[in-house]
Amino acid sequence: MNDLLIVFCTFPDIGKARETGTALVESQLAACVNLIPAVESIYRWQGKVETSAEVLAIFKTTPTAYPLFESRLSELHPYDVPEIVALKPDQVAEAYARWVRESVI
């Protein structure tokens, strides 16, 4: 059964990404987080085009845990409007999906 979500979220620095990712994994709202440093983001904010160096976090969670996951991520995140994008993959290895389900509340 494929009941896995992949959630993308950017952070201003590795320290905040690591702190937030650790908190979400420790609280069993995410099974895992991958941190990808040195992402360059170009975006519109308050009417201006901005460019920032950011860290991309890729979380693995479940649809059941997602409402609490999103709420906690929003609380911990330093941005006014954090990027929180959840995708449901079409295919996931069953053993990996089972591990995620068993790792998340």
N, C-alpha and C. Protein backbone atom coordinates (compact mmCIF):
# COMPACT_ATOMS: atom_id res chain seq x y z
N MET A 1 0.84 -1.17 0.00
CA MET A 1 0.00 0.00 0.00
C MET A 1 0.89 1.25 0.00
N ASN A 2 0.60 2.19 -0.88
CA ASN A 2 1.39 3.41 -1.00
C ASN A 2 0.70 4.53 -0.24
N ASP A 3 1.07 4.74 0.99
CA ASP A 3 0.52 5.84 1.78
C ASP A 3 1.65 6.70 2.32
N LEU A 4 2.45 7.19 1.41
CA LEU A 4 3.64 7.96 1.74
C LEU A 4 3.50 9.36 1.13
N LEU A 5 3.98 10.36 1.84
CA LEU A 5 4.07 11.72 1.30
C LEU A 5 5.52 12.17 1.34
N ILE A 6 5.92 12.86 0.30
CA ILE A 6 7.22 13.52 0.22
C ILE A 6 6.93 15.02 0.36
N VAL A 7 7.56 15.66 1.34
CA VAL A 7 7.28 17.08 1.60
C VAL A 7 8.56 17.88 1.39
N PHE A 8 8.47 18.89 0.55
CA PHE A 8 9.59 19.79 0.28
C PHE A 8 9.41 21.07 1.10
N CYS A 9 10.51 21.54 1.68
CA CYS A 9 10.48 22.77 2.45
C CYS A 9 11.87 23.40 2.41
N THR A 10 11.95 24.69 2.15
CA THR A 10 13.24 25.38 2.16
C THR A 10 13.43 26.13 3.47
N PHE A 11 14.70 26.26 3.86
CA PHE A 11 15.09 26.93 5.09
C PHE A 11 16.20 27.93 4.79
N PRO A 12 16.37 28.95 5.65
CA PRO A 12 17.39 29.96 5.40
C PRO A 12 18.82 29.48 5.63
N ASP A 13 18.99 28.42 6.44
CA ASP A 13 20.34 27.93 6.72
C ASP A 13 20.29 26.49 7.21
N ILE A 14 21.46 25.84 7.21
CA ILE A 14 21.55 24.43 7.57
C ILE A 14 21.20 24.20 9.05
N GLY A 15 21.55 25.15 9.90
CA GLY A 15 21.27 24.99 11.33
C GLY A 15 19.78 24.90 11.61
N LYS A 16 19.01 25.82 11.03
CA LYS A 16 17.56 25.82 11.26
C LYS A 16 16.92 24.60 10.59
N ALA A 17 17.41 24.22 9.42
CA ALA A 17 16.87 23.03 8.74
C ALA A 17 17.14 21.78 9.57
N ARG A 18 18.35 21.66 10.10
CA ARG A 18 18.71 20.50 10.91
C ARG A 18 17.91 20.46 12.21
N GLU A 19 17.79 21.59 12.86
CA GLU A 19 17.03 21.68 14.12
C GLU A 19 15.57 21.29 13.90
N THR A 20 14.96 21.82 12.86
CA THR A 20 13.56 21.54 12.57
C THR A 20 13.37 20.08 12.14
N GLY A 21 14.25 19.61 11.26
CA GLY A 21 14.16 18.22 10.81
C GLY A 21 14.31 17.25 11.97
N THR A 22 15.25 17.51 12.84
CA THR A 22 15.46 16.64 14.00
C THR A 22 14.22 16.63 14.90
N ALA A 23 13.64 17.78 15.14
CA ALA A 23 12.44 17.86 15.98
C ALA A 23 11.29 17.06 15.38
N LEU A 24 11.11 17.13 14.07
CA LEU A 24 10.00 16.42 13.42
C LEU A 24 10.23 14.91 13.41
N VAL A 25 11.47 14.49 13.24
CA VAL A 25 11.78 13.05 13.29
C VAL A 25 11.66 12.55 14.72
N GLU A 26 12.19 13.30 15.68
CA GLU A 26 12.11 12.87 17.09
C GLU A 26 10.66 12.75 17.57
N SER A 27 9.79 13.62 17.08
CA SER A 27 8.38 13.58 17.49
C SER A 27 7.56 12.60 16.66
N GLN A 28 8.23 11.88 15.79
CA GLN A 28 7.63 10.85 14.93
C GLN A 28 6.57 11.41 13.97
N LEU A 29 6.73 12.68 13.58
CA LEU A 29 5.87 13.25 12.56
C LEU A 29 6.47 13.07 11.17
N ALA A 30 7.75 12.76 11.12
CA ALA A 30 8.44 12.42 9.88
C ALA A 30 9.35 11.23 10.16
N ALA A 31 9.47 10.35 9.18
CA ALA A 31 10.36 9.19 9.33
C ALA A 31 11.80 9.58 9.05
N CYS A 32 11.97 10.57 8.18
CA CYS A 32 13.31 10.90 7.67
C CYS A 32 13.26 12.30 7.08
N VAL A 33 14.41 12.96 7.08
CA VAL A 33 14.55 14.21 6.36
C VAL A 33 15.93 14.22 5.71
N ASN A 34 15.96 14.60 4.46
CA ASN A 34 17.22 14.80 3.74
C ASN A 34 17.44 16.30 3.62
N LEU A 35 18.65 16.76 3.92
CA LEU A 35 18.98 18.18 3.83
C LEU A 35 19.94 18.39 2.67
N ILE A 36 19.54 19.26 1.77
CA ILE A 36 20.35 19.56 0.59
C ILE A 36 20.76 21.02 0.67
N PRO A 37 22.02 21.28 1.05
CA PRO A 37 22.47 22.67 1.17
C PRO A 37 22.78 23.29 -0.20
N ALA A 38 22.98 24.57 -0.16
CA ALA A 38 23.42 25.33 -1.34
C ALA A 38 22.42 25.32 -2.48
N VAL A 39 21.14 25.49 -2.13
CA VAL A 39 20.10 25.66 -3.14
C VAL A 39 19.93 27.16 -3.36
N GLU A 40 19.88 27.59 -4.59
CA GLU A 40 19.62 29.00 -4.87
C GLU A 40 18.16 29.15 -5.26
N SER A 41 17.46 30.03 -4.58
CA SER A 41 16.03 30.26 -4.84
C SER A 41 15.83 31.66 -5.39
N ILE A 42 15.02 31.75 -6.42
CA ILE A 42 14.62 33.02 -7.02
C ILE A 42 13.10 33.08 -6.90
N TYR A 43 12.59 34.14 -6.28
CA TYR A 43 11.16 34.19 -5.98
C TYR A 43 10.69 35.64 -5.87
N ARG A 44 9.40 35.82 -5.95
CA ARG A 44 8.80 37.14 -5.77
C ARG A 44 8.32 37.24 -4.33
N TRP A 45 8.72 38.31 -3.63
CA TRP A 45 8.30 38.54 -2.26
C TRP A 45 8.04 40.02 -2.07
N GLN A 46 6.85 40.35 -1.64
CA GLN A 46 6.44 41.72 -1.38
C GLN A 46 6.72 42.63 -2.58
N GLY A 47 6.38 42.14 -3.77
CA GLY A 47 6.47 42.92 -4.99
C GLY A 47 7.84 42.99 -5.64
N LYS A 48 8.85 42.33 -5.05
CA LYS A 48 10.19 42.37 -5.62
C LYS A 48 10.68 40.96 -5.89
N VAL A 49 11.53 40.83 -6.89
CA VAL A 49 12.18 39.56 -7.16
C VAL A 49 13.41 39.46 -6.27
N GLU A 50 13.49 38.38 -5.52
CA GLU A 50 14.57 38.16 -4.56
C GLU A 50 15.37 36.92 -4.96
N THR A 51 16.60 36.85 -4.51
CA THR A 51 17.44 35.67 -4.67
C THR A 51 18.06 35.35 -3.32
N SER A 52 17.97 34.08 -2.92
CA SER A 52 18.51 33.68 -1.62
C SER A 52 19.18 32.32 -1.72
N ALA A 53 20.22 32.14 -0.94
CA ALA A 53 20.79 30.81 -0.73
C ALA A 53 19.94 30.14 0.34
N GLU A 54 19.50 28.92 0.10
CA GLU A 54 18.65 28.22 1.05
C GLU A 54 19.09 26.76 1.15
N VAL A 55 18.48 26.06 2.09
CA VAL A 55 18.67 24.62 2.27
C VAL A 55 17.33 23.97 1.97
N LEU A 56 17.33 22.97 1.11
CA LEU A 56 16.10 22.23 0.80
C LEU A 56 16.01 21.01 1.70
N ALA A 57 14.89 20.88 2.40
CA ALA A 57 14.61 19.71 3.23
C ALA A 57 13.56 18.87 2.52
N ILE A 58 13.82 17.57 2.46
CA ILE A 58 12.87 16.62 1.87
C ILE A 58 12.46 15.65 2.98
N PHE A 59 11.22 15.79 3.41
CA PHE A 59 10.68 14.97 4.50
C PHE A 59 9.88 13.80 3.95
N LYS A 60 9.87 12.69 4.68
CA LYS A 60 9.02 11.56 4.37
C LYS A 60 8.06 11.37 5.53
N THR A 61 6.75 11.39 5.24
CA THR A 61 5.73 11.23 6.25
C THR A 61 4.54 10.50 5.65
N THR A 62 3.43 10.46 6.38
CA THR A 62 2.23 9.78 5.89
C THR A 62 1.07 10.77 5.84
N PRO A 63 0.05 10.47 5.03
CA PRO A 63 -1.13 11.34 5.02
C PRO A 63 -1.80 11.46 6.39
N THR A 64 -1.77 10.41 7.17
CA THR A 64 -2.37 10.44 8.50
C THR A 64 -1.65 11.44 9.41
N ALA A 65 -0.34 11.45 9.36
CA ALA A 65 0.45 12.34 10.20
C ALA A 65 0.54 13.76 9.64
N TYR A 66 0.19 13.95 8.37
CA TYR A 66 0.43 15.22 7.70
C TYR A 66 -0.18 16.44 8.41
N PRO A 67 -1.42 16.42 8.86
CA PRO A 67 -1.95 17.63 9.50
C PRO A 67 -1.11 18.08 10.70
N LEU A 68 -0.72 17.16 11.56
CA LEU A 68 0.14 17.52 12.70
C LEU A 68 1.54 17.92 12.23
N PHE A 69 2.06 17.20 11.23
CA PHE A 69 3.37 17.52 10.66
C PHE A 69 3.38 18.96 10.14
N GLU A 70 2.39 19.31 9.33
CA GLU A 70 2.34 20.65 8.74
C GLU A 70 2.21 21.72 9.82
N SER A 71 1.37 21.48 10.80
CA SER A 71 1.19 22.44 11.88
C SER A 71 2.49 22.66 12.65
N ARG A 72 3.16 21.59 13.00
CA ARG A 72 4.42 21.69 13.76
C ARG A 72 5.52 22.34 12.92
N LEU A 73 5.61 21.96 11.64
CA LEU A 73 6.60 22.56 10.75
C LEU A 73 6.37 24.06 10.65
N SER A 74 5.13 24.48 10.51
CA SER A 74 4.82 25.91 10.44
C SER A 74 5.21 26.64 11.72
N GLU A 75 4.99 25.99 12.88
CA GLU A 75 5.37 26.60 14.16
C GLU A 75 6.88 26.79 14.28
N LEU A 76 7.63 25.79 13.82
CA LEU A 76 9.08 25.80 13.97
C LEU A 76 9.79 26.65 12.93
N HIS A 77 9.14 26.91 11.81
CA HIS A 77 9.79 27.54 10.66
C HIS A 77 9.95 29.05 10.86
N PRO A 78 11.10 29.61 10.48
CA PRO A 78 11.32 31.05 10.69
C PRO A 78 10.66 31.95 9.65
N TYR A 79 10.23 31.42 8.50
CA TYR A 79 9.64 32.26 7.46
C TYR A 79 8.18 32.59 7.78
N ASP A 80 7.73 33.77 7.33
CA ASP A 80 6.32 34.13 7.45
C ASP A 80 5.44 33.18 6.64
N VAL A 81 5.91 32.82 5.45
CA VAL A 81 5.18 31.92 4.56
C VAL A 81 6.15 30.82 4.11
N PRO A 82 6.28 29.76 4.91
CA PRO A 82 7.22 28.70 4.51
C PRO A 82 6.70 27.90 3.33
N GLU A 83 7.63 27.46 2.52
CA GLU A 83 7.30 26.55 1.42
C GLU A 83 7.05 25.17 2.04
N ILE A 84 5.82 24.70 1.95
CA ILE A 84 5.48 23.36 2.41
C ILE A 84 4.67 22.73 1.28
N VAL A 85 5.31 21.85 0.53
CA VAL A 85 4.68 21.23 -0.63
C VAL A 85 4.75 19.71 -0.47
N ALA A 86 3.59 19.09 -0.36
CA ALA A 86 3.52 17.64 -0.18
C ALA A 86 3.09 16.97 -1.50
N LEU A 87 3.83 15.94 -1.86
CA LEU A 87 3.53 15.18 -3.07
C LEU A 87 3.36 13.72 -2.71
N LYS A 88 2.43 13.07 -3.37
CA LYS A 88 2.23 11.64 -3.18
C LYS A 88 2.87 10.93 -4.36
N PRO A 89 3.91 10.16 -4.11
CA PRO A 89 4.58 9.46 -5.22
C PRO A 89 3.69 8.36 -5.78
N ASP A 90 3.83 8.12 -7.09
CA ASP A 90 3.06 7.05 -7.74
C ASP A 90 3.54 5.67 -7.31
N GLN A 91 4.82 5.52 -7.16
CA GLN A 91 5.40 4.23 -6.83
C GLN A 91 6.40 4.37 -5.69
N VAL A 92 6.32 3.46 -4.74
CA VAL A 92 7.26 3.43 -3.63
C VAL A 92 7.54 1.97 -3.32
N ALA A 93 8.80 1.63 -3.11
CA ALA A 93 9.14 0.26 -2.71
C ALA A 93 8.39 -0.07 -1.42
N GLU A 94 7.71 -1.20 -1.40
CA GLU A 94 6.88 -1.56 -0.26
C GLU A 94 7.66 -1.59 1.04
N ALA A 95 8.86 -2.11 1.02
CA ALA A 95 9.66 -2.18 2.25
C ALA A 95 9.94 -0.77 2.79
N TYR A 96 10.23 0.17 1.91
CA TYR A 96 10.48 1.55 2.35
C TYR A 96 9.20 2.18 2.88
N ALA A 97 8.09 2.02 2.17
CA ALA A 97 6.82 2.57 2.62
C ALA A 97 6.43 2.01 3.99
N ARG A 98 6.66 0.73 4.19
CA ARG A 98 6.36 0.10 5.48
C ARG A 98 7.22 0.73 6.59
N TRP A 99 8.50 0.95 6.30
CA TRP A 99 9.39 1.57 7.28
C TRP A 99 8.89 2.97 7.65
N VAL A 100 8.46 3.76 6.65
CA VAL A 100 7.94 5.09 6.93
C VAL A 100 6.71 4.98 7.82
N ARG A 101 5.77 4.12 7.44
CA ARG A 101 4.54 3.94 8.25
C ARG A 101 4.87 3.56 9.69
N GLU A 102 5.84 2.68 9.87
CA GLU A 102 6.21 2.21 11.21
C GLU A 102 6.98 3.28 12.01
N SER A 103 7.55 4.25 11.33
CA SER A 103 8.37 5.28 11.98
C SER A 103 7.59 6.53 12.35
N VAL A 104 6.39 6.64 11.83
CA VAL A 104 5.57 7.85 12.02
C VAL A 104 4.34 7.49 12.84
N ILE A 105 3.92 8.44 13.71
CA ILE A 105 2.74 8.18 14.55
C ILE A 105 1.47 8.06 13.73
